[in-house]
Amino acid sequence: MDTKSAHTIKQHIKRAIEELSLALTLANEASPADEFLRLRTSVGDIVARIDTMLQDNIYKHHPGLDGMKD
C-alpha cells in the first residue's frame, strides 16, 4: 500500500474511533450502568482490534504515520 492510501485509511479509522467514543457518551447518558459497562467493554475490544490492525498493516510499513513515534 502506498503512503497516501495508508494515510487516508488511517484518517477513516480515526474518525470511526471518534464515532464510537461519541456513541459511548450517548450510551452513558441514556443507558443503565450495567448496559453501559457492557457496551464500553465491547467498544474497548473493538478499538483494541483496530489498533492491532493499524500496527500490523499500516504502521509496520509506514512508521511515519504513527503519531506516537518521532
Protein backbone atom coordinates (compact mmCIF):
# COMPACT_ATOMS: atom_id res chain seq x y z
CA MET A 1 0.00 0.00 0.00
CA ASP A 2 1.32 3.43 -0.84
CA THR A 3 1.75 6.09 1.85
CA LYS A 4 -1.10 8.29 0.60
CA SER A 5 -3.57 5.39 0.76
CA ALA A 6 -2.29 4.36 4.18
CA HIS A 7 -2.78 7.92 5.44
CA THR A 8 -6.33 8.06 4.06
CA ILE A 9 -7.22 4.73 5.65
CA LYS A 10 -5.76 5.88 8.97
CA GLN A 11 -7.92 9.03 8.86
CA HIS A 12 -11.08 6.99 8.24
CA ILE A 13 -10.20 4.68 11.11
CA LYS A 14 -9.55 7.66 13.38
CA ARG A 15 -13.00 9.04 12.55
CA ALA A 16 -14.57 5.64 13.23
CA ILE A 17 -12.98 5.59 16.69
CA GLU A 18 -14.24 9.12 17.32
CA GLU A 19 -17.76 7.99 16.37
CA LEU A 20 -17.50 5.05 18.76
CA SER A 21 -16.48 7.46 21.51
CA LEU A 22 -19.49 9.66 20.77
CA ALA A 23 -21.74 6.61 20.88
CA LEU A 24 -20.36 5.77 24.31
CA THR A 25 -21.07 9.29 25.52
CA LEU A 26 -24.68 8.97 24.39
CA ALA A 27 -24.98 5.50 25.87
CA ASN A 28 -23.60 6.72 29.19
CA GLU A 29 -26.37 9.30 29.36
CA ALA A 30 -29.18 7.04 28.16
CA SER A 31 -28.40 3.56 29.48
CA PRO A 32 -28.47 1.86 32.84
CA ALA A 33 -25.00 1.41 34.32
CA ASP A 34 -24.79 -2.33 33.62
CA GLU A 35 -25.69 -1.87 29.94
CA PHE A 36 -23.23 0.97 29.58
CA LEU A 37 -20.42 -1.07 31.13
CA ARG A 38 -21.06 -3.95 28.71
CA LEU A 39 -21.10 -1.56 25.76
CA ARG A 40 -17.94 0.17 26.96
CA THR A 41 -16.17 -3.17 27.23
CA SER A 42 -17.27 -4.12 23.72
CA VAL A 43 -16.17 -0.80 22.26
CA GLY A 44 -12.84 -1.14 24.06
CA ASP A 45 -12.35 -4.55 22.45
CA ILE A 46 -13.17 -3.10 19.03
CA VAL A 47 -10.74 -0.20 19.45
CA ALA A 48 -8.01 -2.61 20.59
CA ARG A 49 -8.54 -4.74 17.49
CA ILE A 50 -8.43 -1.66 15.28
CA ASP A 51 -5.18 -0.59 16.92
CA THR A 52 -3.69 -4.03 16.33
CA MET A 53 -4.74 -3.86 12.68
CA LEU A 54 -3.12 -0.44 12.33
CA GLN A 55 0.10 -1.71 13.91
CA ASP A 56 0.22 -4.84 11.74
CA ASN A 57 -0.92 -3.39 8.43
CA ILE A 58 -0.12 0.30 8.33
CA TYR A 59 2.42 1.45 10.91
CA LYS A 60 4.66 -1.54 10.27
CA HIS A 61 5.08 -0.43 6.66
CA HIS A 62 4.59 3.32 7.21
CA PRO A 63 6.02 4.11 10.67
CA GLY A 64 5.83 7.84 9.98
CA LEU A 65 2.03 7.66 10.17
CA ASP A 66 2.11 6.54 13.80
CA GLY A 67 1.61 9.71 15.79
CA MET A 68 3.22 8.06 18.81
CA LYS A 69 6.60 7.78 17.12
CA ASP A 70 9.04 10.54 16.25
